[in-house]
Each structure stands twice: as C-alpha cells, then as structure tokens.
Amino acid sequence: MTTRKFAIAKQLGGKRVITNKGEEVGRLSDIKIEERSGELDTFLVEPSEDSKFAQKLPRNEEEFIAIPFKAIFAVSDVIVVDENLIK
C-alpha cells in the first residue's frame, strides 16, 4: 500500500524555495490549482532580491516567478525545485 503525505497549503505559504543545487529562489506566495482535475499546477514564488539566480528567471504580470508543479523536487522545511525545469 502506498502512503501519501499531505501538507496543508496554509503551512506552505512563506516557505523558502531553493533549487536542487542550493540556489535561493524566493518564498512561496501562492499555489495555482487546475480547477477541473484539482491537481496542483503552478507555485508562485516571490523572488529573493539578493538572489542572482532568481533575477534571471522570467516573471508573470504580478512579478512572481511561476514554477510548474513538475519542477517541485521536495517539500519539507524548504521547497526544493529542479533547477533545470524552471529555466
């Protein structure tokens, strides 16, 4: 039997987001969910002003970095994203 772990979305807000190579990206601001399927779609991250890596990433009209859910590598004390899937 497969065990699933769930995190309450409210607990994720404000968590640090880093890449799998240790680069700072920013802090989680919001999560977009696909309405029809209910699946997670995109994590919206407020970029860190001190991060040269984050400054290179494209931003949406609200100035957030949109990270596709498929790029999320791990969620614990920080959210780890696959650097190659967010460029």
PDB file of N, CA and C in Angstrom:
ATOM      1  N   MET A   1       0.835  -1.181   0.000  1.00  0.00           N
ATOM      2  CA  MET A   1       0.000   0.000   0.000  1.00  0.00           C
ATOM      3  C   MET A   1       0.884   1.250   0.000  1.00  0.00           C
ATOM      4  N   THR A   2       0.549   2.209  -0.821  1.00  0.00           N
ATOM      5  CA  THR A   2       1.302   3.447  -0.928  1.00  0.00           C
ATOM      6  C   THR A   2       0.845   4.426   0.144  1.00  0.00           C
ATOM      7  N   THR A   3       1.796   5.031   0.821  1.00  0.00           N
ATOM      8  CA  THR A   3       1.486   6.042   1.821  1.00  0.00           C
ATOM      9  C   THR A   3       1.704   7.407   1.210  1.00  0.00           C
ATOM     10  N   ARG A   4       0.724   8.267   1.389  1.00  0.00           N
ATOM     11  CA  ARG A   4       0.841   9.630   0.873  1.00  0.00           C
ATOM     12  C   ARG A   4       0.971  10.588   2.034  1.00  0.00           C
ATOM     13  N   LYS A   5       1.773  11.615   1.833  1.00  0.00           N
ATOM     14  CA  LYS A   5       1.899  12.664   2.833  1.00  0.00           C
ATOM     15  C   LYS A   5       1.242  13.917   2.274  1.00  0.00           C
ATOM     16  N   PHE A   6       0.473  14.570   3.096  1.00  0.00           N
ATOM     17  CA  PHE A   6      -0.198  15.785   2.679  1.00  0.00           C
ATOM     18  C   PHE A   6       0.262  16.950   3.537  1.00  0.00           C
ATOM     19  N   ALA A   7       0.353  18.091   2.939  1.00  0.00           N
ATOM     20  CA  ALA A   7       0.680  19.314   3.666  1.00  0.00           C
ATOM     21  C   ALA A   7      -0.473  20.287   3.467  1.00  0.00           C
ATOM     22  N   ILE A   8      -0.848  20.942   4.508  1.00  0.00           N
ATOM     23  CA  ILE A   8      -1.902  21.941   4.401  1.00  0.00           C
ATOM     24  C   ILE A   8      -1.306  23.151   3.695  1.00  0.00           C
ATOM     25  N   ALA A   9      -2.011  23.637   2.680  1.00  0.00           N
ATOM     26  CA  ALA A   9      -1.499  24.742   1.868  1.00  0.00           C
ATOM     27  C   ALA A   9      -1.116  25.946   2.723  1.00  0.00           C
ATOM     28  N   LYS A  10      -1.868  26.194   3.761  1.00  0.00           N
ATOM     29  CA  LYS A  10      -1.586  27.332   4.630  1.00  0.00           C
ATOM     30  C   LYS A  10      -0.201  27.201   5.271  1.00  0.00           C
ATOM     31  N   GLN A  11       0.226  25.959   5.537  1.00  0.00           N
ATOM     32  CA  GLN A  11       1.544  25.731   6.133  1.00  0.00           C
ATOM     33  C   GLN A  11       2.669  25.965   5.135  1.00  0.00           C
ATOM     34  N   LEU A  12       2.364  25.902   3.844  1.00  0.00           N
ATOM     35  CA  LEU A  12       3.393  26.083   2.820  1.00  0.00           C
ATOM     36  C   LEU A  12       3.692  27.549   2.537  1.00  0.00           C
ATOM     37  N   GLY A  13       2.721  28.417   2.739  1.00  0.00           N
ATOM     38  CA  GLY A  13       2.889  29.836   2.444  1.00  0.00           C
ATOM     39  C   GLY A  13       4.080  30.437   3.172  1.00  0.00           C
ATOM     40  N   GLY A  14       4.919  31.139   2.446  1.00  0.00           N
ATOM     41  CA  GLY A  14       6.073  31.803   3.021  1.00  0.00           C
ATOM     42  C   GLY A  14       7.308  30.932   3.139  1.00  0.00           C
ATOM     43  N   LYS A  15       7.189  29.640   2.796  1.00  0.00           N
ATOM     44  CA  LYS A  15       8.376  28.767   2.864  1.00  0.00           C
ATOM     45  C   LYS A  15       9.414  29.205   1.849  1.00  0.00           C
ATOM     46  N   ARG A  16      10.690  29.043   2.229  1.00  0.00           N
ATOM     47  CA  ARG A  16      11.797  29.340   1.313  1.00  0.00           C
ATOM     48  C   ARG A  16      11.775  28.352   0.159  1.00  0.00           C
ATOM     49  N   VAL A  17      12.100  28.836  -1.014  1.00  0.00           N
ATOM     50  CA  VAL A  17      12.215  27.999  -2.202  1.00  0.00           C
ATOM     51  C   VAL A  17      13.662  28.064  -2.676  1.00  0.00           C
ATOM     52  N   ILE A  18      14.289  26.893  -2.793  1.00  0.00           N
ATOM     53  CA  ILE A  18      15.665  26.801  -3.272  1.00  0.00           C
ATOM     54  C   ILE A  18      15.725  25.766  -4.382  1.00  0.00           C
ATOM     55  N   THR A  19      16.806  25.796  -5.153  1.00  0.00           N
ATOM     56  CA  THR A  19      16.975  24.803  -6.207  1.00  0.00           C
ATOM     57  C   THR A  19      17.695  23.576  -5.648  1.00  0.00           C
ATOM     58  N   ASN A  20      17.702  22.516  -6.436  1.00  0.00           N
ATOM     59  CA  ASN A  20      18.405  21.295  -6.043  1.00  0.00           C
ATOM     60  C   ASN A  20      19.922  21.502  -6.012  1.00  0.00           C
ATOM     61  N   LYS A  21      20.398  22.649  -6.491  1.00  0.00           N
ATOM     62  CA  LYS A  21      21.823  22.981  -6.430  1.00  0.00           C
ATOM     63  C   LYS A  21      22.117  24.012  -5.343  1.00  0.00           C
ATOM     64  N   GLY A  22      21.104  24.317  -4.508  1.00  0.00           N
ATOM     65  CA  GLY A  22      21.293  25.213  -3.372  1.00  0.00           C
ATOM     66  C   GLY A  22      21.124  26.689  -3.654  1.00  0.00           C
ATOM     67  N   GLU A  23      20.685  27.050  -4.862  1.00  0.00           N
ATOM     68  CA  GLU A  23      20.471  28.469  -5.193  1.00  0.00           C
ATOM     69  C   GLU A  23      19.153  28.959  -4.590  1.00  0.00           C
ATOM     70  N   GLU A  24      19.191  30.121  -3.989  1.00  0.00           N
ATOM     71  CA  GLU A  24      17.999  30.747  -3.429  1.00  0.00           C
ATOM     72  C   GLU A  24      17.099  31.229  -4.563  1.00  0.00           C
ATOM     73  N   VAL A  25      15.797  30.978  -4.460  1.00  0.00           N
ATOM     74  CA  VAL A  25      14.838  31.473  -5.448  1.00  0.00           C
ATOM     75  C   VAL A  25      13.959  32.545  -4.806  1.00  0.00           C
ATOM     76  N   GLY A  26      13.367  32.246  -3.674  1.00  0.00           N
ATOM     77  CA  GLY A  26      12.498  33.202  -3.001  1.00  0.00           C
ATOM     78  C   GLY A  26      11.616  32.518  -1.985  1.00  0.00           C
ATOM     79  N   ARG A  27      10.394  33.043  -1.804  1.00  0.00           N
ATOM     80  CA  ARG A  27       9.436  32.472  -0.857  1.00  0.00           C
ATOM     81  C   ARG A  27       8.107  32.210  -1.565  1.00  0.00           C
ATOM     82  N   LEU A  28       7.502  31.071  -1.210  1.00  0.00           N
ATOM     83  CA  LEU A  28       6.225  30.702  -1.819  1.00  0.00           C
ATOM     84  C   LEU A  28       5.157  31.715  -1.433  1.00  0.00           C
ATOM     85  N   SER A  29       4.459  32.220  -2.441  1.00  0.00           N
ATOM     86  CA  SER A  29       3.400  33.188  -2.203  1.00  0.00           C
ATOM     87  C   SER A  29       2.019  32.577  -2.414  1.00  0.00           C
ATOM     88  N   ASP A  30       1.876  31.740  -3.457  1.00  0.00           N
ATOM     89  CA  ASP A  30       0.566  31.193  -3.789  1.00  0.00           C
ATOM     90  C   ASP A  30       0.733  29.915  -4.607  1.00  0.00           C
ATOM     91  N   ILE A  31      -0.335  29.152  -4.694  1.00  0.00           N
ATOM     92  CA  ILE A  31      -0.344  27.924  -5.483  1.00  0.00           C
ATOM     93  C   ILE A  31      -1.556  27.968  -6.404  1.00  0.00           C
ATOM     94  N   LYS A  32      -1.338  27.699  -7.691  1.00  0.00           N
ATOM     95  CA  LYS A  32      -2.439  27.605  -8.643  1.00  0.00           C
ATOM     96  C   LYS A  32      -2.830  26.138  -8.781  1.00  0.00           C
ATOM     97  N   ILE A  33      -4.141  25.893  -8.816  1.00  0.00           N
ATOM     98  CA  ILE A  33      -4.661  24.538  -8.934  1.00  0.00           C
ATOM     99  C   ILE A  33      -5.507  24.451 -10.194  1.00  0.00           C
ATOM    100  N   GLU A  34      -5.348  23.357 -10.942  1.00  0.00           N
ATOM    101  CA  GLU A  34      -6.170  23.108 -12.129  1.00  0.00           C
ATOM    102  C   GLU A  34      -7.592  22.828 -11.643  1.00  0.00           C
ATOM    103  N   GLU A  35      -8.537  23.684 -12.015  1.00  0.00           N
ATOM    104  CA  GLU A  35      -9.892  23.598 -11.493  1.00  0.00           C
ATOM    105  C   GLU A  35     -10.602  22.295 -11.857  1.00  0.00           C
ATOM    106  N   ARG A  36     -10.436  21.839 -13.058  1.00  0.00           N
ATOM    107  CA  ARG A  36     -11.159  20.636 -13.493  1.00  0.00           C
ATOM    108  C   ARG A  36     -10.665  19.369 -12.808  1.00  0.00           C
ATOM    109  N   SER A  37      -9.364  19.229 -12.710  1.00  0.00           N
ATOM    110  CA  SER A  37      -8.804  17.997 -12.154  1.00  0.00           C
ATOM    111  C   SER A  37      -8.493  18.101 -10.664  1.00  0.00           C
ATOM    112  N   GLY A  38      -8.319  19.322 -10.164  1.00  0.00           N
ATOM    113  CA  GLY A  38      -7.950  19.525  -8.780  1.00  0.00           C
ATOM    114  C   GLY A  38      -6.462  19.319  -8.521  1.00  0.00           C
ATOM    115  N   GLU A  39      -5.688  19.126  -9.582  1.00  0.00           N
ATOM    116  CA  GLU A  39      -4.254  18.894  -9.442  1.00  0.00           C
ATOM    117  C   GLU A  39      -3.497  20.210  -9.299  1.00  0.00           C
ATOM    118  N   LEU A  40      -2.386  20.139  -8.559  1.00  0.00           N
ATOM    119  CA  LEU A  40      -1.524  21.316  -8.426  1.00  0.00           C
ATOM    120  C   LEU A  40      -0.923  21.644  -9.782  1.00  0.00           C
ATOM    121  N   ASP A  41      -0.888  22.926 -10.121  1.00  0.00           N
ATOM    122  CA  ASP A  41      -0.411  23.363 -11.425  1.00  0.00           C
ATOM    123  C   ASP A  41       0.888  24.154 -11.331  1.00  0.00           C
ATOM    124  N   THR A  42       0.875  25.231 -10.559  1.00  0.00           N
ATOM    125  CA  THR A  42       1.998  26.162 -10.516  1.00  0.00           C
ATOM    126  C   THR A  42       2.188  26.707  -9.107  1.00  0.00           C
ATOM    127  N   PHE A  43       3.450  26.835  -8.698  1.00  0.00           N
ATOM    128  CA  PHE A  43       3.790  27.520  -7.460  1.00  0.00           C
ATOM    129  C   PHE A  43       4.247  28.921  -7.831  1.00  0.00           C
ATOM    130  N   LEU A  44       3.662  29.934  -7.219  1.00  0.00           N
ATOM    131  CA  LEU A  44       4.049  31.324  -7.471  1.00  0.00           C
ATOM    132  C   LEU A  44       4.984  31.766  -6.352  1.00  0.00           C
ATOM    133  N   VAL A  45       6.171  32.179  -6.749  1.00  0.00           N
ATOM    134  CA  VAL A  45       7.224  32.490  -5.782  1.00  0.00           C
ATOM    135  C   VAL A  45       7.594  33.963  -5.864  1.00  0.00           C
ATOM    136  N   GLU A  46       7.625  34.601  -4.704  1.00  0.00           N
ATOM    137  CA  GLU A  46       8.122  35.974  -4.626  1.00  0.00           C
ATOM    138  C   GLU A  46       9.643  35.889  -4.648  1.00  0.00           C
ATOM    139  N   PRO A  47      10.281  36.442  -5.685  1.00  0.00           N
ATOM    140  CA  PRO A  47      11.729  36.282  -5.825  1.00  0.00           C
ATOM    141  C   PRO A  47      12.520  36.986  -4.732  1.00  0.00           C
ATOM    142  N   SER A  48      13.620  36.365  -4.357  1.00  0.00           N
ATOM    143  CA  SER A  48      14.542  36.953  -3.395  1.00  0.00           C
ATOM    144  C   SER A  48      15.334  38.059  -4.090  1.00  0.00           C
ATOM    145  N   GLU A  49      15.356  39.222  -3.488  1.00  0.00           N
ATOM    146  CA  GLU A  49      16.070  40.359  -4.072  1.00  0.00           C
ATOM    147  C   GLU A  49      17.576  40.135  -4.093  1.00  0.00           C
ATOM    148  N   ASP A  50      18.084  39.308  -3.203  1.00  0.00           N
ATOM    149  CA  ASP A  50      19.523  39.057  -3.100  1.00  0.00           C
ATOM    150  C   ASP A  50      20.017  37.929  -4.003  1.00  0.00           C
ATOM    151  N   SER A  51      19.090  37.238  -4.669  1.00  0.00           N
ATOM    152  CA  SER A  51      19.459  36.066  -5.453  1.00  0.00           C
ATOM    153  C   SER A  51      19.718  36.414  -6.918  1.00  0.00           C
ATOM    154  N   LYS A  52      20.953  36.227  -7.338  1.00  0.00           N
ATOM    155  CA  LYS A  52      21.281  36.447  -8.751  1.00  0.00           C
ATOM    156  C   LYS A  52      20.557  35.438  -9.622  1.00  0.00           C
ATOM    157  N   PHE A  53      20.376  34.213  -9.111  1.00  0.00           N
ATOM    158  CA  PHE A  53      19.665  33.178  -9.853  1.00  0.00           C
ATOM    159  C   PHE A  53      18.210  33.591 -10.101  1.00  0.00           C
ATOM    160  N   ALA A  54      17.536  34.061  -9.060  1.00  0.00           N
ATOM    161  CA  ALA A  54      16.131  34.461  -9.176  1.00  0.00           C
ATOM    162  C   ALA A  54      15.971  35.648 -10.123  1.00  0.00           C
ATOM    163  N   GLN A  55      16.937  36.531 -10.145  1.00  0.00           N
ATOM    164  CA  GLN A  55      16.843  37.709 -11.008  1.00  0.00           C
ATOM    165  C   GLN A  55      16.850  37.339 -12.492  1.00  0.00           C
ATOM    166  N   LYS A  56      17.394  36.171 -12.827  1.00  0.00           N
ATOM    167  CA  LYS A  56      17.468  35.726 -14.223  1.00  0.00           C
ATOM    168  C   LYS A  56      16.184  35.057 -14.704  1.00  0.00           C
ATOM    169  N   LEU A  57      15.290  34.681 -13.772  1.00  0.00           N
ATOM    170  CA  LEU A  57      14.096  33.932 -14.137  1.00  0.00           C
ATOM    171  C   LEU A  57      12.972  34.852 -14.598  1.00  0.00           C
ATOM    172  N   PRO A  58      12.167  34.392 -15.565  1.00  0.00           N
ATOM    173  CA  PRO A  58      11.033  35.197 -16.032  1.00  0.00           C
ATOM    174  C   PRO A  58       9.970  35.337 -14.944  1.00  0.00           C
ATOM    175  N   ARG A  59       9.230  36.436 -15.005  1.00  0.00           N
ATOM    176  CA  ARG A  59       8.178  36.715 -14.024  1.00  0.00           C
ATOM    177  C   ARG A  59       6.858  36.959 -14.723  1.00  0.00           C
ATOM    178  N   ASN A  60       5.774  36.710 -14.007  1.00  0.00           N
ATOM    179  CA  ASN A  60       4.456  36.977 -14.575  1.00  0.00           C
ATOM    180  C   ASN A  60       4.101  38.450 -14.355  1.00  0.00           C
ATOM    181  N   GLU A  61       2.874  38.805 -14.691  1.00  0.00           N
ATOM    182  CA  GLU A  61       2.469  40.210 -14.601  1.00  0.00           C
ATOM    183  C   GLU A  61       2.435  40.731 -13.168  1.00  0.00           C
ATOM    184  N   GLU A  62       2.342  39.835 -12.179  1.00  0.00           N
ATOM    185  CA  GLU A  62       2.374  40.253 -10.769  1.00  0.00           C
ATOM    186  C   GLU A  62       3.793  40.230 -10.196  1.00  0.00           C
ATOM    187  N   GLU A  63       4.791  39.973 -11.048  1.00  0.00           N
ATOM    188  CA  GLU A  63       6.203  39.932 -10.646  1.00  0.00           C
ATOM    189  C   GLU A  63       6.586  38.697  -9.834  1.00  0.00           C
ATOM    190  N   PHE A  64       5.772  37.625  -9.942  1.00  0.00           N
ATOM    191  CA  PHE A  64       6.112  36.360  -9.305  1.00  0.00           C
ATOM    192  C   PHE A  64       6.810  35.452 -10.310  1.00  0.00           C
ATOM    193  N   ILE A  65       7.646  34.558  -9.795  1.00  0.00           N
ATOM    194  CA  ILE A  65       8.237  33.512 -10.621  1.00  0.00           C
ATOM    195  C   ILE A  65       7.262  32.343 -10.595  1.00  0.00           C
ATOM    196  N   ALA A  66       6.831  31.886 -11.773  1.00  0.00           N
ATOM    197  CA  ALA A  66       5.898  30.771 -11.863  1.00  0.00           C
ATOM    198  C   ALA A  66       6.693  29.481 -12.050  1.00  0.00           C
ATOM    199  N   ILE A  67       6.585  28.600 -11.070  1.00  0.00           N
ATOM    200  CA  ILE A  67       7.311  27.334 -11.121  1.00  0.00           C
ATOM    201  C   ILE A  67       6.303  26.210 -11.326  1.00  0.00           C
ATOM    202  N   PRO A  68       6.426  25.460 -12.430  1.00  0.00           N
ATOM    203  CA  PRO A  68       5.475  24.363 -12.664  1.00  0.00           C
ATOM    204  C   PRO A  68       5.603  23.292 -11.584  1.00  0.00           C
ATOM    205  N   PHE A  69       4.483  22.681 -11.235  1.00  0.00           N
ATOM    206  CA  PHE A  69       4.485  21.680 -10.175  1.00  0.00           C
ATOM    207  C   PHE A  69       5.443  20.534 -10.483  1.00  0.00           C
ATOM    208  N   LYS A  70       5.612  20.199 -11.751  1.00  0.00           N
ATOM    209  CA  LYS A  70       6.508  19.097 -12.112  1.00  0.00           C
ATOM    210  C   LYS A  70       7.959  19.382 -11.712  1.00  0.00           C
ATOM    211  N   ALA A  71       8.287  20.653 -11.454  1.00  0.00           N
ATOM    212  CA  ALA A  71       9.651  21.019 -11.065  1.00  0.00           C
ATOM    213  C   ALA A  71       9.887  20.898  -9.558  1.00  0.00           C
ATOM    214  N   ILE A  72       8.812  20.660  -8.791  1.00  0.00           N
ATOM    215  CA  ILE A  72       8.954  20.554  -7.342  1.00  0.00           C
ATOM    216  C   ILE A  72       9.605  19.214  -7.021  1.00  0.00           C
ATOM    217  N   PHE A  73      10.749  19.292  -6.359  1.00  0.00           N
ATOM    218  CA  PHE A  73      11.564  18.120  -6.056  1.00  0.00           C
ATOM    219  C   PHE A  73      11.249  17.565  -4.671  1.00  0.00           C
ATOM    220  N   ALA A  74      11.077  18.448  -3.695  1.00  0.00           N
ATOM    221  CA  ALA A  74      10.790  18.045  -2.317  1.00  0.00           C
ATOM    222  C   ALA A  74      10.180  19.207  -1.551  1.00  0.00           C
ATOM    223  N   VAL A  75       9.374  18.852  -0.547  1.00  0.00           N
ATOM    224  CA  VAL A  75       8.788  19.861   0.341  1.00  0.00           C
ATOM    225  C   VAL A  75       9.023  19.396   1.771  1.00  0.00           C
ATOM    226  N   SER A  76       9.733  20.215   2.527  1.00  0.00           N
ATOM    227  CA  SER A  76       9.945  19.933   3.952  1.00  0.00           C
ATOM    228  C   SER A  76      10.073  21.279   4.648  1.00  0.00           C
ATOM    229  N   ASP A  77      11.193  21.538   5.284  1.00  0.00           N
ATOM    230  CA  ASP A  77      11.408  22.857   5.882  1.00  0.00           C
ATOM    231  C   ASP A  77      11.551  23.919   4.804  1.00  0.00           C
ATOM    232  N   VAL A  78      12.001  23.503   3.634  1.00  0.00           N
ATOM    233  CA  VAL A  78      12.096  24.357   2.450  1.00  0.00           C
ATOM    234  C   VAL A  78      11.470  23.613   1.276  1.00  0.00           C
ATOM    235  N   ILE A  79      11.177  24.346   0.219  1.00  0.00           N
ATOM    236  CA  ILE A  79      10.678  23.733  -1.011  1.00  0.00           C
ATOM    237  C   ILE A  79      11.853  23.674  -1.971  1.00  0.00           C
ATOM    238  N   VAL A  80      12.153  22.486  -2.466  1.00  0.00           N
ATOM    239  CA  VAL A  80      13.284  22.295  -3.368  1.00  0.00           C
ATOM    240  C   VAL A  80      12.743  22.059  -4.768  1.00  0.00           C
ATOM    241  N   VAL A  81      13.275  22.835  -5.731  1.00  0.00           N
ATOM    242  CA  VAL A  81      12.838  22.710  -7.117  1.00  0.00           C
ATOM    243  C   VAL A  81      14.011  22.279  -7.991  1.00  0.00           C
ATOM    244  N   ASP A  82      13.695  21.564  -9.062  1.00  0.00           N
ATOM    245  CA  ASP A  82      14.721  21.137 -10.018  1.00  0.00           C
ATOM    246  C   ASP A  82      15.090  22.329 -10.882  1.00  0.00           C
ATOM    247  N   GLU A  83      16.317  22.767 -10.744  1.00  0.00           N
ATOM    248  CA  GLU A  83      16.809  23.961 -11.450  1.00  0.00           C
ATOM    249  C   GLU A  83      16.604  23.869 -12.958  1.00  0.00           C
ATOM    250  N   ASN A  84      16.776  22.683 -13.525  1.00  0.00           N
ATOM    251  CA  ASN A  84      16.662  22.505 -14.969  1.00  0.00           C
ATOM    252  C   ASN A  84      15.239  22.634 -15.489  1.00  0.00           C
ATOM    253  N   LEU A  85      14.255  22.497 -14.625  1.00  0.00           N
ATOM    254  CA  LEU A  85      12.853  22.558 -15.055  1.00  0.00           C
ATOM    255  C   LEU A  85      12.209  23.917 -14.863  1.00  0.00           C
ATOM    256  N   ILE A  86      12.962  24.906 -14.353  1.00  0.00           N
ATOM    257  CA  ILE A  86      12.384  26.229 -14.154  1.00  0.00           C
ATOM    258  C   ILE A  86      13.039  27.319 -14.982  1.00  0.00           C
ATOM    259  N   LYS A  87      14.039  26.981 -15.758  1.00  0.00           N
ATOM    260  CA  LYS A  87      14.725  27.999 -16.560  1.00  0.00           C
ATOM    261  C   LYS A  87      13.944  28.352 -17.786  1.00  0.00           C
TER     262      LYS A  87
END
